[in-house]
Amino acid sequence: MFPSGPPTRGSLARLAQATLCPACGRALRDPVLLACEHSCCRHCLRRDGPGDTDGTTGGTATTTTGGGTVSCPRCRLPCAPKRIRTPVALAVESRIAQRLATGEPAGTPRRRGGR
């Protein structure tokens, strides 16, 4: 995510830390918010269990328990799928942090209504 490593001080450092997935250690991609109020990538949450890696992490995947619940990658508390939410604000913050870290321009704002 960061060309020369994550920033160590200031607002950008706090934003970068808040938008890291505890399972894969990368910037949140399609983040989900669990019942315990921790967040992670949707992809990381769907992995089958510890040791199930897709070549991108060190095997810190969440586990699927009986009844279709998943465990939080940070605190390991079980969470039912119906309690998983999509935090839109966190997804936006993650994208902003990625763009700021890479120096990519934010682009022009989109207009509504097709004008």
PDB file of N, CA and C in Angstrom:
ATOM      1  N   MET A   1       0.820  -1.188   0.000  1.00  0.00           N
ATOM      2  CA  MET A   1       0.000   0.000   0.000  1.00  0.00           C
ATOM      3  C   MET A   1       0.860   1.247   0.000  1.00  0.00           C
ATOM      4  N   PHE A   2       1.924   1.265   0.765  1.00  0.00           N
ATOM      5  CA  PHE A   2       2.770   2.432   0.862  1.00  0.00           C
ATOM      6  C   PHE A   2       4.084   2.165   0.153  1.00  0.00           C
ATOM      7  N   PRO A   3       4.501   3.049  -0.770  1.00  0.00           N
ATOM      8  CA  PRO A   3       5.709   2.809  -1.550  1.00  0.00           C
ATOM      9  C   PRO A   3       6.964   2.679  -0.711  1.00  0.00           C
ATOM     10  N   SER A   4       7.118   3.445   0.347  1.00  0.00           N
ATOM     11  CA  SER A   4       8.323   3.371   1.175  1.00  0.00           C
ATOM     12  C   SER A   4       7.983   2.954   2.598  1.00  0.00           C
ATOM     13  N   GLY A   5       6.993   2.112   2.740  1.00  0.00           N
ATOM     14  CA  GLY A   5       6.557   1.669   4.056  1.00  0.00           C
ATOM     15  C   GLY A   5       5.491   2.599   4.602  1.00  0.00           C
ATOM     16  N   PRO A   6       4.722   2.130   5.581  1.00  0.00           N
ATOM     17  CA  PRO A   6       3.650   2.962   6.124  1.00  0.00           C
ATOM     18  C   PRO A   6       4.197   4.172   6.859  1.00  0.00           C
ATOM     19  N   PRO A   7       3.466   5.285   6.825  1.00  0.00           N
ATOM     20  CA  PRO A   7       3.903   6.460   7.569  1.00  0.00           C
ATOM     21  C   PRO A   7       3.907   6.142   9.053  1.00  0.00           C
ATOM     22  N   THR A   8       4.793   6.776   9.793  1.00  0.00           N
ATOM     23  CA  THR A   8       4.935   6.469  11.210  1.00  0.00           C
ATOM     24  C   THR A   8       4.357   7.534  12.128  1.00  0.00           C
ATOM     25  N   ARG A   9       4.024   8.704  11.591  1.00  0.00           N
ATOM     26  CA  ARG A   9       3.519   9.791  12.423  1.00  0.00           C
ATOM     27  C   ARG A   9       2.397  10.525  11.716  1.00  0.00           C
ATOM     28  N   GLY A  10       1.591  11.205  12.512  1.00  0.00           N
ATOM     29  CA  GLY A  10       0.596  12.107  11.977  1.00  0.00           C
ATOM     30  C   GLY A  10      -0.722  11.464  11.587  1.00  0.00           C
ATOM     31  N   SER A  11      -1.559  12.289  10.981  1.00  0.00           N
ATOM     32  CA  SER A  11      -2.908  11.875  10.609  1.00  0.00           C
ATOM     33  C   SER A  11      -2.913  10.753   9.581  1.00  0.00           C
ATOM     34  N   LEU A  12      -2.011  10.817   8.612  1.00  0.00           N
ATOM     35  CA  LEU A  12      -1.948   9.771   7.595  1.00  0.00           C
ATOM     36  C   LEU A  12      -1.582   8.427   8.225  1.00  0.00           C
ATOM     37  N   ALA A  13      -0.702   8.443   9.217  1.00  0.00           N
ATOM     38  CA  ALA A  13      -0.321   7.203   9.904  1.00  0.00           C
ATOM     39  C   ALA A  13      -1.517   6.609  10.650  1.00  0.00           C
ATOM     40  N   ARG A  14      -2.297   7.453  11.311  1.00  0.00           N
ATOM     41  CA  ARG A  14      -3.479   6.965  12.014  1.00  0.00           C
ATOM     42  C   ARG A  14      -4.515   6.428  11.040  1.00  0.00           C
ATOM     43  N   LEU A  15      -4.703   7.113   9.927  1.00  0.00           N
ATOM     44  CA  LEU A  15      -5.641   6.645   8.914  1.00  0.00           C
ATOM     45  C   LEU A  15      -5.172   5.321   8.311  1.00  0.00           C
ATOM     46  N   ALA A  16      -3.881   5.216   8.039  1.00  0.00           N
ATOM     47  CA  ALA A  16      -3.330   3.973   7.479  1.00  0.00           C
ATOM     48  C   ALA A  16      -3.523   2.820   8.449  1.00  0.00           C
ATOM     49  N   GLN A  17      -3.280   3.043   9.731  1.00  0.00           N
ATOM     50  CA  GLN A  17      -3.431   1.983  10.733  1.00  0.00           C
ATOM     51  C   GLN A  17      -4.887   1.569  10.872  1.00  0.00           C
ATOM     52  N   ALA A  18      -5.797   2.521  10.823  1.00  0.00           N
ATOM     53  CA  ALA A  18      -7.219   2.227  10.983  1.00  0.00           C
ATOM     54  C   ALA A  18      -7.798   1.483   9.794  1.00  0.00           C
ATOM     55  N   THR A  19      -7.128   1.531   8.658  1.00  0.00           N
ATOM     56  CA  THR A  19      -7.665   0.900   7.452  1.00  0.00           C
ATOM     57  C   THR A  19      -6.874  -0.338   7.037  1.00  0.00           C
ATOM     58  N   LEU A  20      -6.138  -0.938   7.977  1.00  0.00           N
ATOM     59  CA  LEU A  20      -5.425  -2.186   7.706  1.00  0.00           C
ATOM     60  C   LEU A  20      -6.262  -3.373   8.158  1.00  0.00           C
ATOM     61  N   CYS A  21      -6.255  -4.421   7.372  1.00  0.00           N
ATOM     62  CA  CYS A  21      -6.958  -5.651   7.721  1.00  0.00           C
ATOM     63  C   CYS A  21      -6.099  -6.436   8.714  1.00  0.00           C
ATOM     64  N   PRO A  22      -6.665  -6.861   9.850  1.00  0.00           N
ATOM     65  CA  PRO A  22      -5.876  -7.628  10.811  1.00  0.00           C
ATOM     66  C   PRO A  22      -5.554  -9.043  10.327  1.00  0.00           C
ATOM     67  N   ALA A  23      -6.276  -9.532   9.333  1.00  0.00           N
ATOM     68  CA  ALA A  23      -6.036 -10.891   8.828  1.00  0.00           C
ATOM     69  C   ALA A  23      -4.900 -10.926   7.809  1.00  0.00           C
ATOM     70  N   CYS A  24      -4.923  -9.998   6.841  1.00  0.00           N
ATOM     71  CA  CYS A  24      -3.918 -10.051   5.773  1.00  0.00           C
ATOM     72  C   CYS A  24      -2.851  -8.962   5.911  1.00  0.00           C
ATOM     73  N   GLY A  25      -3.094  -7.951   6.745  1.00  0.00           N
ATOM     74  CA  GLY A  25      -2.115  -6.900   6.955  1.00  0.00           C
ATOM     75  C   GLY A  25      -2.060  -5.872   5.837  1.00  0.00           C
ATOM     76  N   ARG A  26      -2.968  -5.957   4.906  1.00  0.00           N
ATOM     77  CA  ARG A  26      -3.022  -5.002   3.790  1.00  0.00           C
ATOM     78  C   ARG A  26      -4.153  -4.018   4.012  1.00  0.00           C
ATOM     79  N   ALA A  27      -4.229  -3.040   3.122  1.00  0.00           N
ATOM     80  CA  ALA A  27      -5.329  -2.079   3.177  1.00  0.00           C
ATOM     81  C   ALA A  27      -6.644  -2.828   2.986  1.00  0.00           C
ATOM     82  N   LEU A  28      -7.665  -2.420   3.724  1.00  0.00           N
ATOM     83  CA  LEU A  28      -8.963  -3.075   3.626  1.00  0.00           C
ATOM     84  C   LEU A  28      -9.497  -3.033   2.201  1.00  0.00           C
ATOM     85  N   ARG A  29      -9.909  -4.180   1.704  1.00  0.00           N
ATOM     86  CA  ARG A  29     -10.558  -4.288   0.404  1.00  0.00           C
ATOM     87  C   ARG A  29     -11.954  -4.818   0.661  1.00  0.00           C
ATOM     88  N   ASP A  30     -12.965  -4.105   0.276  1.00  0.00           N
ATOM     89  CA  ASP A  30     -14.354  -4.483   0.521  1.00  0.00           C
ATOM     90  C   ASP A  30     -14.540  -4.820   2.006  1.00  0.00           C
ATOM     91  N   PRO A  31     -14.342  -3.825   2.893  1.00  0.00           N
ATOM     92  CA  PRO A  31     -14.366  -4.104   4.324  1.00  0.00           C
ATOM     93  C   PRO A  31     -15.733  -4.510   4.849  1.00  0.00           C
ATOM     94  N   VAL A  32     -15.720  -5.314   5.901  1.00  0.00           N
ATOM     95  CA  VAL A  32     -16.928  -5.688   6.631  1.00  0.00           C
ATOM     96  C   VAL A  32     -16.699  -5.355   8.092  1.00  0.00           C
ATOM     97  N   LEU A  33     -17.794  -5.068   8.796  1.00  0.00           N
ATOM     98  CA  LEU A  33     -17.750  -4.760  10.220  1.00  0.00           C
ATOM     99  C   LEU A  33     -18.465  -5.886  10.942  1.00  0.00           C
ATOM    100  N   LEU A  34     -17.783  -6.499  11.893  1.00  0.00           N
ATOM    101  CA  LEU A  34     -18.326  -7.638  12.621  1.00  0.00           C
ATOM    102  C   LEU A  34     -19.074  -7.180  13.863  1.00  0.00           C
ATOM    103  N   ALA A  35     -19.780  -8.084  14.503  1.00  0.00           N
ATOM    104  CA  ALA A  35     -20.566  -7.759  15.697  1.00  0.00           C
ATOM    105  C   ALA A  35     -19.690  -7.212  16.823  1.00  0.00           C
ATOM    106  N   CYS A  36     -18.421  -7.612  16.868  1.00  0.00           N
ATOM    107  CA  CYS A  36     -17.501  -7.138  17.911  1.00  0.00           C
ATOM    108  C   CYS A  36     -16.943  -5.753  17.597  1.00  0.00           C
ATOM    109  N   GLU A  37     -17.380  -5.165  16.474  1.00  0.00           N
ATOM    110  CA  GLU A  37     -16.959  -3.836  16.013  1.00  0.00           C
ATOM    111  C   GLU A  37     -15.563  -3.811  15.401  1.00  0.00           C
ATOM    112  N   HIS A  38     -14.954  -4.974  15.144  1.00  0.00           N
ATOM    113  CA  HIS A  38     -13.699  -5.030  14.407  1.00  0.00           C
ATOM    114  C   HIS A  38     -14.020  -5.176  12.928  1.00  0.00           C
ATOM    115  N   SER A  39     -13.090  -4.788  12.089  1.00  0.00           N
ATOM    116  CA  SER A  39     -13.303  -4.880  10.650  1.00  0.00           C
ATOM    117  C   SER A  39     -12.194  -5.687  10.003  1.00  0.00           C
ATOM    118  N   CYS A  40     -12.498  -6.212   8.813  1.00  0.00           N
ATOM    119  CA  CYS A  40     -11.517  -6.933   8.011  1.00  0.00           C
ATOM    120  C   CYS A  40     -12.026  -6.962   6.572  1.00  0.00           C
ATOM    121  N   CYS A  41     -11.200  -7.461   5.661  1.00  0.00           N
ATOM    122  CA  CYS A  41     -11.606  -7.608   4.264  1.00  0.00           C
ATOM    123  C   CYS A  41     -12.661  -8.712   4.162  1.00  0.00           C
ATOM    124  N   ARG A  42     -13.637  -8.532   3.297  1.00  0.00           N
ATOM    125  CA  ARG A  42     -14.647  -9.567   3.082  1.00  0.00           C
ATOM    126  C   ARG A  42     -13.981 -10.866   2.618  1.00  0.00           C
ATOM    127  N   HIS A  43     -12.980 -10.732   1.750  1.00  0.00           N
ATOM    128  CA  HIS A  43     -12.257 -11.896   1.240  1.00  0.00           C
ATOM    129  C   HIS A  43     -11.590 -12.670   2.380  1.00  0.00           C
ATOM    130  N   CYS A  44     -10.963 -11.960   3.298  1.00  0.00           N
ATOM    131  CA  CYS A  44     -10.285 -12.612   4.422  1.00  0.00           C
ATOM    132  C   CYS A  44     -11.284 -13.325   5.321  1.00  0.00           C
ATOM    133  N   LEU A  45     -12.460 -12.757   5.481  1.00  0.00           N
ATOM    134  CA  LEU A  45     -13.484 -13.361   6.323  1.00  0.00           C
ATOM    135  C   LEU A  45     -14.020 -14.652   5.710  1.00  0.00           C
ATOM    136  N   ARG A  46     -14.024 -14.740   4.398  1.00  0.00           N
ATOM    137  CA  ARG A  46     -14.574 -15.912   3.704  1.00  0.00           C
ATOM    138  C   ARG A  46     -13.623 -17.093   3.644  1.00  0.00           C
ATOM    139  N   ARG A  47     -12.358 -16.872   3.949  1.00  0.00           N
ATOM    140  CA  ARG A  47     -11.411 -17.987   3.881  1.00  0.00           C
ATOM    141  C   ARG A  47     -11.792 -19.081   4.859  1.00  0.00           C
ATOM    142  N   ASP A  48     -11.412 -20.290   4.562  1.00  0.00           N
ATOM    143  CA  ASP A  48     -11.884 -21.450   5.313  1.00  0.00           C
ATOM    144  C   ASP A  48     -11.298 -21.642   6.695  1.00  0.00           C
ATOM    145  N   GLY A  49     -10.075 -21.215   6.928  1.00  0.00           N
ATOM    146  CA  GLY A  49      -9.532 -21.427   8.257  1.00  0.00           C
ATOM    147  C   GLY A  49      -8.061 -21.120   8.322  1.00  0.00           C
ATOM    148  N   PRO A  50      -7.458 -21.271   9.492  1.00  0.00           N
ATOM    149  CA  PRO A  50      -6.044 -20.995   9.636  1.00  0.00           C
ATOM    150  C   PRO A  50      -5.220 -21.879   8.719  1.00  0.00           C
ATOM    151  N   GLY A  51      -4.232 -21.320   8.139  1.00  0.00           N
ATOM    152  CA  GLY A  51      -3.391 -22.086   7.231  1.00  0.00           C
ATOM    153  C   GLY A  51      -3.903 -22.053   5.807  1.00  0.00           C
ATOM    154  N   ASP A  52      -5.144 -21.607   5.603  1.00  0.00           N
ATOM    155  CA  ASP A  52      -5.685 -21.497   4.253  1.00  0.00           C
ATOM    156  C   ASP A  52      -5.278 -20.149   3.705  1.00  0.00           C
ATOM    157  N   THR A  53      -4.223 -20.142   2.951  1.00  0.00           N
ATOM    158  CA  THR A  53      -3.750 -18.883   2.404  1.00  0.00           C
ATOM    159  C   THR A  53      -3.876 -18.918   0.904  1.00  0.00           C
ATOM    160  N   ASP A  54      -3.996 -17.753   0.334  1.00  0.00           N
ATOM    161  CA  ASP A  54      -4.077 -17.665  -1.123  1.00  0.00           C
ATOM    162  C   ASP A  54      -2.770 -17.141  -1.689  1.00  0.00           C
ATOM    163  N   GLY A  55      -1.699 -17.312  -0.936  1.00  0.00           N
ATOM    164  CA  GLY A  55      -0.402 -16.857  -1.396  1.00  0.00           C
ATOM    165  C   GLY A  55      -0.114 -15.417  -1.032  1.00  0.00           C
ATOM    166  N   THR A  56      -1.018 -14.756  -0.320  1.00  0.00           N
ATOM    167  CA  THR A  56      -0.819 -13.352  -0.012  1.00  0.00           C
ATOM    168  C   THR A  56      -0.582 -13.095   1.465  1.00  0.00           C
ATOM    169  N   THR A  57      -0.834 -14.081   2.329  1.00  0.00           N
ATOM    170  CA  THR A  57      -0.696 -13.842   3.762  1.00  0.00           C
ATOM    171  C   THR A  57       0.067 -14.969   4.413  1.00  0.00           C
ATOM    172  N   GLY A  58       0.252 -14.840   5.685  1.00  0.00           N
ATOM    173  CA  GLY A  58       0.989 -15.842   6.441  1.00  0.00           C
ATOM    174  C   GLY A  58       0.110 -16.833   7.165  1.00  0.00           C
ATOM    175  N   GLY A  59      -1.119 -17.052   6.727  1.00  0.00           N
ATOM    176  CA  GLY A  59      -1.963 -18.059   7.342  1.00  0.00           C
ATOM    177  C   GLY A  59      -2.750 -17.562   8.530  1.00  0.00           C
ATOM    178  N   THR A  60      -3.120 -16.299   8.566  1.00  0.00           N
ATOM    179  CA  THR A  60      -3.858 -15.757   9.695  1.00  0.00           C
ATOM    180  C   THR A  60      -5.326 -15.588   9.363  1.00  0.00           C
ATOM    181  N   ALA A  61      -5.868 -16.497   8.614  1.00  0.00           N
ATOM    182  CA  ALA A  61      -7.256 -16.395   8.186  1.00  0.00           C
ATOM    183  C   ALA A  61      -8.206 -16.594   9.356  1.00  0.00           C
ATOM    184  N   THR A  62      -9.428 -16.126   9.191  1.00  0.00           N
ATOM    185  CA  THR A  62     -10.447 -16.358  10.194  1.00  0.00           C
ATOM    186  C   THR A  62     -10.933 -17.787  10.044  1.00  0.00           C
ATOM    187  N   THR A  63     -11.580 -18.294  11.081  1.00  0.00           N
ATOM    188  CA  THR A  63     -12.064 -19.665  11.018  1.00  0.00           C
ATOM    189  C   THR A  63     -13.568 -19.671  10.897  1.00  0.00           C
ATOM    190  N   THR A  64     -14.062 -20.662  10.177  1.00  0.00           N
ATOM    191  CA  THR A  64     -15.495 -20.871  10.075  1.00  0.00           C
ATOM    192  C   THR A  64     -15.858 -21.927  11.101  1.00  0.00           C
ATOM    193  N   THR A  65     -16.821 -21.618  11.962  1.00  0.00           N
ATOM    194  CA  THR A  65     -17.222 -22.560  12.993  1.00  0.00           C
ATOM    195  C   THR A  65     -18.560 -23.167  12.628  1.00  0.00           C
ATOM    196  N   GLY A  66     -19.022 -24.109  13.412  1.00  0.00           N
ATOM    197  CA  GLY A  66     -20.309 -24.742  13.142  1.00  0.00           C
ATOM    198  C   GLY A  66     -21.436 -23.736  13.091  1.00  0.00           C
ATOM    199  N   GLY A  67     -22.429 -24.001  12.274  1.00  0.00           N
ATOM    200  CA  GLY A  67     -23.571 -23.115  12.153  1.00  0.00           C
ATOM    201  C   GLY A  67     -23.333 -21.941  11.226  1.00  0.00           C
ATOM    202  N   GLY A  68     -22.223 -21.934  10.514  1.00  0.00           N
ATOM    203  CA  GLY A  68     -21.966 -20.880   9.553  1.00  0.00           C
ATOM    204  C   GLY A  68     -21.408 -19.611  10.145  1.00  0.00           C
ATOM    205  N   THR A  69     -21.057 -19.602  11.429  1.00  0.00           N
ATOM    206  CA  THR A  69     -20.482 -18.395  12.014  1.00  0.00           C
ATOM    207  C   THR A  69     -19.002 -18.315  11.670  1.00  0.00           C
ATOM    208  N   VAL A  70     -18.468 -17.123  11.751  1.00  0.00           N
ATOM    209  CA  VAL A  70     -17.045 -16.900  11.507  1.00  0.00           C
ATOM    210  C   VAL A  70     -16.442 -16.279  12.756  1.00  0.00           C
ATOM    211  N   SER A  71     -15.136 -16.373  12.880  1.00  0.00           N
ATOM    212  CA  SER A  71     -14.433 -15.779  14.011  1.00  0.00           C
ATOM    213  C   SER A  71     -13.741 -14.505  13.567  1.00  0.00           C
ATOM    214  N   CYS A  72     -13.769 -13.501  14.420  1.00  0.00           N
ATOM    215  CA  CYS A  72     -13.079 -12.248  14.150  1.00  0.00           C
ATOM    216  C   CYS A  72     -11.575 -12.514  14.091  1.00  0.00           C
ATOM    217  N   PRO A  73     -10.874 -11.987  13.088  1.00  0.00           N
ATOM    218  CA  PRO A  73      -9.436 -12.212  13.003  1.00  0.00           C
ATOM    219  C   PRO A  73      -8.649 -11.484  14.092  1.00  0.00           C
ATOM    220  N   ARG A  74      -9.242 -10.504  14.739  1.00  0.00           N
ATOM    221  CA  ARG A  74      -8.540  -9.755  15.781  1.00  0.00           C
ATOM    222  C   ARG A  74      -8.781 -10.352  17.163  1.00  0.00           C
ATOM    223  N   CYS A  75     -10.056 -10.561  17.547  1.00  0.00           N
ATOM    224  CA  CYS A  75     -10.359 -11.019  18.909  1.00  0.00           C
ATOM    225  C   CYS A  75     -10.851 -12.461  18.967  1.00  0.00           C
ATOM    226  N   ARG A  76     -11.090 -13.075  17.813  1.00  0.00           N
ATOM    227  CA  ARG A  76     -11.532 -14.476  17.689  1.00  0.00           C
ATOM    228  C   ARG A  76     -12.935 -14.746  18.218  1.00  0.00           C
ATOM    229  N   LEU A  77     -13.735 -13.725  18.482  1.00  0.00           N
ATOM    230  CA  LEU A  77     -15.109 -13.941  18.899  1.00  0.00           C
ATOM    231  C   LEU A  77     -15.931 -14.404  17.706  1.00  0.00           C
ATOM    232  N   PRO A  78     -16.865 -15.344  17.918  1.00  0.00           N
ATOM    233  CA  PRO A  78     -17.703 -15.807  16.811  1.00  0.00           C
ATOM    234  C   PRO A  78     -18.703 -14.729  16.400  1.00  0.00           C
ATOM    235  N   CYS A  79     -19.053 -14.731  15.135  1.00  0.00           N
ATOM    236  CA  CYS A  79     -20.001 -13.752  14.595  1.00  0.00           C
ATOM    237  C   CYS A  79     -20.877 -14.435  13.556  1.00  0.00           C
ATOM    238  N   ALA A  80     -22.178 -14.318  13.705  1.00  0.00           N
ATOM    239  CA  ALA A  80     -23.111 -14.884  12.738  1.00  0.00           C
ATOM    240  C   ALA A  80     -23.118 -14.014  11.481  1.00  0.00           C
ATOM    241  N   PRO A  81     -23.247 -14.630  10.312  1.00  0.00           N
ATOM    242  CA  PRO A  81     -23.249 -13.858   9.061  1.00  0.00           C
ATOM    243  C   PRO A  81     -24.287 -12.736   9.016  1.00  0.00           C
ATOM    244  N   LYS A  82     -25.428 -12.936   9.668  1.00  0.00           N
ATOM    245  CA  LYS A  82     -26.455 -11.883   9.639  1.00  0.00           C
ATOM    246  C   LYS A  82     -26.057 -10.657  10.451  1.00  0.00           C
ATOM    247  N   ARG A  83     -25.026 -10.777  11.290  1.00  0.00           N
ATOM    248  CA  ARG A  83     -24.548  -9.646  12.093  1.00  0.00           C
ATOM    249  C   ARG A  83     -23.414  -8.886  11.416  1.00  0.00           C
ATOM    250  N   ILE A  84     -22.990  -9.329  10.231  1.00  0.00           N
ATOM    251  CA  ILE A  84     -21.898  -8.676   9.503  1.00  0.00           C
ATOM    252  C   ILE A  84     -22.473  -7.517   8.702  1.00  0.00           C
ATOM    253  N   ARG A  85     -21.852  -6.350   8.843  1.00  0.00           N
ATOM    254  CA  ARG A  85     -22.333  -5.146   8.151  1.00  0.00           C
ATOM    255  C   ARG A  85     -21.269  -4.633   7.186  1.00  0.00           C
ATOM    256  N   THR A  86     -21.696  -3.826   6.248  1.00  0.00           N
ATOM    257  CA  THR A  86     -20.784  -3.191   5.305  1.00  0.00           C
ATOM    258  C   THR A  86     -20.617  -1.729   5.715  1.00  0.00           C
ATOM    259  N   PRO A  87     -19.441  -1.350   6.222  1.00  0.00           N
ATOM    260  CA  PRO A  87     -19.210   0.022   6.667  1.00  0.00           C
ATOM    261  C   PRO A  87     -18.774   0.906   5.493  1.00  0.00           C
ATOM    262  N   VAL A  88     -19.708   1.606   4.909  1.00  0.00           N
ATOM    263  CA  VAL A  88     -19.418   2.421   3.736  1.00  0.00           C
ATOM    264  C   VAL A  88     -18.352   3.474   4.044  1.00  0.00           C
ATOM    265  N   ALA A  89     -18.462   4.128   5.192  1.00  0.00           N
ATOM    266  CA  ALA A  89     -17.485   5.168   5.544  1.00  0.00           C
ATOM    267  C   ALA A  89     -16.072   4.595   5.635  1.00  0.00           C
ATOM    268  N   LEU A  90     -15.934   3.397   6.186  1.00  0.00           N
ATOM    269  CA  LEU A  90     -14.620   2.770   6.300  1.00  0.00           C
ATOM    270  C   LEU A  90     -14.061   2.412   4.925  1.00  0.00           C
ATOM    271  N   ALA A  91     -14.920   1.986   4.017  1.00  0.00           N
ATOM    272  CA  ALA A  91     -14.475   1.683   2.655  1.00  0.00           C
ATOM    273  C   ALA A  91     -13.945   2.941   1.978  1.00  0.00           C
ATOM    274  N   VAL A  92     -14.629   4.059   2.172  1.00  0.00           N
ATOM    275  CA  VAL A  92     -14.189   5.326   1.591  1.00  0.00           C
ATOM    276  C   VAL A  92     -12.869   5.758   2.222  1.00  0.00           C
ATOM    277  N   GLU A  93     -12.758   5.646   3.543  1.00  0.00           N
ATOM    278  CA  GLU A  93     -11.514   6.019   4.224  1.00  0.00           C
ATOM    279  C   GLU A  93     -10.341   5.171   3.742  1.00  0.00           C
ATOM    280  N   SER A  94     -10.582   3.896   3.520  1.00  0.00           N
ATOM    281  CA  SER A  94      -9.526   3.005   3.045  1.00  0.00           C
ATOM    282  C   SER A  94      -9.039   3.426   1.665  1.00  0.00           C
ATOM    283  N   ARG A  95      -9.975   3.766   0.791  1.00  0.00           N
ATOM    284  CA  ARG A  95      -9.592   4.237  -0.555  1.00  0.00           C
ATOM    285  C   ARG A  95      -8.820   5.547  -0.484  1.00  0.00           C
ATOM    286  N   ILE A  96      -9.252   6.448   0.383  1.00  0.00           N
ATOM    287  CA  ILE A  96      -8.560   7.724   0.539  1.00  0.00           C
ATOM    288  C   ILE A  96      -7.140   7.487   1.044  1.00  0.00           C
ATOM    289  N   ALA A  97      -6.991   6.614   2.036  1.00  0.00           N
ATOM    290  CA  ALA A  97      -5.659   6.321   2.585  1.00  0.00           C
ATOM    291  C   ALA A  97      -4.746   5.740   1.517  1.00  0.00           C
ATOM    292  N   GLN A  98      -5.276   4.849   0.692  1.00  0.00           N
ATOM    293  CA  GLN A  98      -4.475   4.257  -0.382  1.00  0.00           C
ATOM    294  C   GLN A  98      -4.026   5.317  -1.375  1.00  0.00           C
ATOM    295  N   ARG A  99      -4.935   6.197  -1.750  1.00  0.00           N
ATOM    296  CA  ARG A  99      -4.591   7.249  -2.719  1.00  0.00           C
ATOM    297  C   ARG A  99      -3.593   8.241  -2.149  1.00  0.00           C
ATOM    298  N   LEU A 100      -3.761   8.629  -0.894  1.00  0.00           N
ATOM    299  CA  LEU A 100      -2.820   9.557  -0.273  1.00  0.00           C
ATOM    300  C   LEU A 100      -1.433   8.938  -0.155  1.00  0.00           C
ATOM    301  N   ALA A 101      -1.391   7.661   0.171  1.00  0.00           N
ATOM    302  CA  ALA A 101      -0.110   6.985   0.357  1.00  0.00           C
ATOM    303  C   ALA A 101       0.650   6.826  -0.946  1.00  0.00           C
ATOM    304  N   THR A 102      -0.062   6.628  -2.040  1.00  0.00           N
ATOM    305  CA  THR A 102       0.600   6.427  -3.328  1.00  0.00           C
ATOM    306  C   THR A 102       0.775   7.730  -4.093  1.00  0.00           C
ATOM    307  N   GLY A 103       0.180   8.814  -3.586  1.00  0.00           N
ATOM    308  CA  GLY A 103       0.287  10.089  -4.275  1.00  0.00           C
ATOM    309  C   GLY A 103      -0.628  10.193  -5.483  1.00  0.00           C
ATOM    310  N   GLU A 104      -1.549   9.260  -5.610  1.00  0.00           N
ATOM    311  CA  GLU A 104      -2.496   9.260  -6.730  1.00  0.00           C
ATOM    312  C   GLU A 104      -3.491  10.400  -6.555  1.00  0.00           C
ATOM    313  N   PRO A 105      -3.778  11.137  -7.618  1.00  0.00           N
ATOM    314  CA  PRO A 105      -4.744  12.234  -7.487  1.00  0.00           C
ATOM    315  C   PRO A 105      -6.131  11.702  -7.176  1.00  0.00           C
ATOM    316  N   ALA A 106      -6.856  12.462  -6.418  1.00  0.00           N
ATOM    317  CA  ALA A 106      -8.192  12.037  -6.003  1.00  0.00           C
ATOM    318  C   ALA A 106      -9.184  12.044  -7.154  1.00  0.00           C
ATOM    319  N   GLY A 107      -8.877  12.737  -8.225  1.00  0.00           N
ATOM    320  CA  GLY A 107      -9.789  12.786  -9.360  1.00  0.00           C
ATOM    321  C   GLY A 107     -10.823  13.868  -9.184  1.00  0.00           C
ATOM    322  N   THR A 108     -11.694  13.970 -10.136  1.00  0.00           N
ATOM    323  CA  THR A 108     -12.731  14.980 -10.068  1.00  0.00           C
ATOM    324  C   THR A 108     -13.979  14.385  -9.461  1.00  0.00           C
ATOM    325  N   PRO A 109     -14.713  15.171  -8.691  1.00  0.00           N
ATOM    326  CA  PRO A 109     -15.934  14.648  -8.099  1.00  0.00           C
ATOM    327  C   PRO A 109     -16.984  14.347  -9.164  1.00  0.00           C
ATOM    328  N   ARG A 110     -17.775  13.319  -8.918  1.00  0.00           N
ATOM    329  CA  ARG A 110     -18.826  12.957  -9.862  1.00  0.00           C
ATOM    330  C   ARG A 110     -20.050  13.841  -9.633  1.00  0.00           C
ATOM    331  N   ARG A 111     -20.691  14.196 -10.728  1.00  0.00           N
ATOM    332  CA  ARG A 111     -21.907  14.966 -10.605  1.00  0.00           C
ATOM    333  C   ARG A 111     -23.096  14.020 -10.592  1.00  0.00           C
ATOM    334  N   ARG A 112     -24.109  14.410  -9.874  1.00  0.00           N
ATOM    335  CA  ARG A 112     -25.341  13.622  -9.843  1.00  0.00           C
ATOM    336  C   ARG A 112     -26.336  14.225 -10.808  1.00  0.00           C
ATOM    337  N   GLY A 113     -27.174  13.405 -11.333  1.00  0.00           N
ATOM    338  CA  GLY A 113     -28.230  13.887 -12.212  1.00  0.00           C
ATOM    339  C   GLY A 113     -27.824  13.977 -13.672  1.00  0.00           C
ATOM    340  N   GLY A 114     -26.627  13.580 -14.024  1.00  0.00           N
ATOM    341  CA  GLY A 114     -26.208  13.533 -15.415  1.00  0.00           C
ATOM    342  C   GLY A 114     -26.005  14.877 -16.076  1.00  0.00           C
ATOM    343  N   ARG A 115     -25.778  15.911 -15.325  1.00  0.00           N
ATOM    344  CA  ARG A 115     -25.588  17.242 -15.918  1.00  0.00           C
ATOM    345  C   ARG A 115     -24.176  17.462 -16.363  1.00  0.00           C
TER     346      ARG A 115
END
